[in-house]
Amino acid sequence: MDFRVVFTNAAINDLHGAVAYYNDKLPGLGLRMFGQTEKALSRIKAQPLSFSRRFEDIRACKVSDFPYLIFYFPDTDKGTITILRIFNEWQKPFHIEGETIG
């Protein structure tokens, strides 16, 4: 099945913030982080149920070389993968629909 990937606004903001942070640290590093995130998203899209379940039906995939996890919800009935957050492992917990995550 070919899954359609949908991003929440929070996930988009997370990614923009991470890329900006790394570009401020070292020009081009943000682009590298973005590329590793794209690779992780490709792995999720190819095998959405293969990553660890963290909270009920929410799963997480590690971004290689960076301390980030992509939290997502795969809906196999609808053929969608909703990217909920792209979260730095060192950050405090966040909330999704009333549940604390992290």
Protein backbone atom coordinates (compact mmCIF):
# COMPACT_ATOMS: atom_id res chain seq x y z
CA MET A 1 0.00 0.00 0.00
CA ASP A 2 1.23 3.49 -0.84
CA PHE A 3 0.76 5.66 2.24
CA ARG A 4 0.07 9.39 2.07
CA VAL A 5 2.05 11.45 4.60
CA VAL A 6 0.31 14.32 6.38
CA PHE A 7 2.07 16.78 8.71
CA THR A 8 0.52 18.57 11.66
CA ASN A 9 1.36 22.26 12.01
CA ALA A 10 3.30 21.39 15.14
CA ALA A 11 5.51 18.94 13.20
CA ILE A 12 6.17 21.52 10.50
CA ASN A 13 7.13 24.09 13.15
CA ASP A 14 9.34 21.52 14.88
CA LEU A 15 11.22 20.83 11.66
CA HIS A 16 11.63 24.51 10.75
CA GLY A 17 12.92 25.25 14.25
CA ALA A 18 15.42 22.38 14.18
CA VAL A 19 16.76 23.33 10.76
CA ALA A 20 17.14 26.97 11.84
CA TYR A 21 18.85 25.94 15.09
CA TYR A 22 21.43 23.78 13.31
CA ASN A 23 22.05 26.36 10.58
CA ASP A 24 22.76 28.92 13.31
CA LYS A 25 25.29 26.53 14.86
CA LEU A 26 27.02 25.75 11.56
CA PRO A 27 25.96 26.82 8.07
CA GLY A 28 24.74 23.80 6.13
CA LEU A 29 24.17 21.63 9.21
CA GLY A 30 20.45 22.40 9.12
CA LEU A 31 20.30 21.15 5.54
CA ARG A 32 22.00 17.94 6.66
CA MET A 33 19.47 17.54 9.47
CA PHE A 34 16.64 18.09 6.97
CA GLY A 35 18.11 15.43 4.68
CA GLN A 36 18.35 12.89 7.50
CA THR A 37 14.75 13.70 8.43
CA GLU A 38 13.67 13.04 4.83
CA LYS A 39 15.45 9.66 4.94
CA ALA A 40 13.65 8.77 8.18
CA LEU A 41 10.33 9.79 6.63
CA SER A 42 11.06 7.53 3.65
CA ARG A 43 11.68 4.62 6.04
CA ILE A 44 8.41 5.37 7.83
CA LYS A 45 6.49 5.54 4.56
CA ALA A 46 7.98 2.24 3.34
CA GLN A 47 7.32 0.34 6.59
CA PRO A 48 5.05 2.37 8.87
CA LEU A 49 4.36 -0.46 11.32
CA SER A 50 7.98 -1.52 11.81
CA PHE A 51 8.97 1.21 14.29
CA SER A 52 8.40 1.01 18.01
CA ARG A 53 5.03 1.84 19.44
CA ARG A 54 5.49 4.50 22.10
CA PHE A 55 1.97 5.48 23.18
CA GLU A 56 -1.00 3.37 22.13
CA ASP A 57 -0.95 3.71 18.31
CA ILE A 58 1.69 6.43 18.17
CA ARG A 59 5.06 5.25 16.88
CA ALA A 60 8.50 6.84 16.78
CA CYS A 61 11.39 6.73 14.33
CA LYS A 62 14.88 8.04 15.15
CA VAL A 63 16.48 10.60 12.82
CA SER A 64 20.01 9.35 12.08
CA ASP A 65 22.92 11.46 13.37
CA PHE A 66 20.65 13.89 15.25
CA PRO A 67 18.85 13.63 18.62
CA TYR A 68 15.37 13.75 17.08
CA LEU A 69 12.43 11.38 17.01
CA ILE A 70 9.59 11.55 14.53
CA PHE A 71 6.32 10.72 16.30
CA TYR A 72 3.62 9.55 13.91
CA PHE A 73 0.28 7.80 13.69
CA PRO A 74 -0.14 5.24 10.90
CA ASP A 75 -3.75 4.70 9.81
CA THR A 76 -3.64 1.60 7.64
CA ASP A 77 -7.40 1.74 6.99
CA LYS A 78 -7.14 5.22 5.43
CA GLY A 79 -3.64 4.73 4.02
CA THR A 80 -2.27 7.77 5.83
CA ILE A 81 0.66 8.50 8.10
CA THR A 82 0.19 11.58 10.25
CA ILE A 83 3.45 13.14 11.41
CA LEU A 84 2.55 14.49 14.84
CA ARG A 85 5.84 15.95 16.07
CA ILE A 86 9.54 15.97 15.22
CA PHE A 87 10.86 16.14 18.72
CA ASN A 88 14.31 16.68 20.18
CA GLU A 89 15.00 13.85 22.62
CA TRP A 90 16.32 16.37 25.16
CA GLN A 91 13.15 18.48 25.23
CA LYS A 92 10.48 18.31 27.90
CA PRO A 93 7.39 16.21 27.23
CA PHE A 94 4.72 17.52 24.88
CA HIS A 95 1.01 16.93 24.57
CA ILE A 96 -1.09 15.33 21.84
CA GLU A 97 -4.85 15.20 22.30
CA GLY A 98 -4.68 15.43 26.07
CA GLU A 99 -1.87 12.90 26.58
CA THR A 100 1.65 13.73 27.71
CA ILE A 101 4.28 12.29 25.39
CA GLY A 102 7.99 12.09 25.93
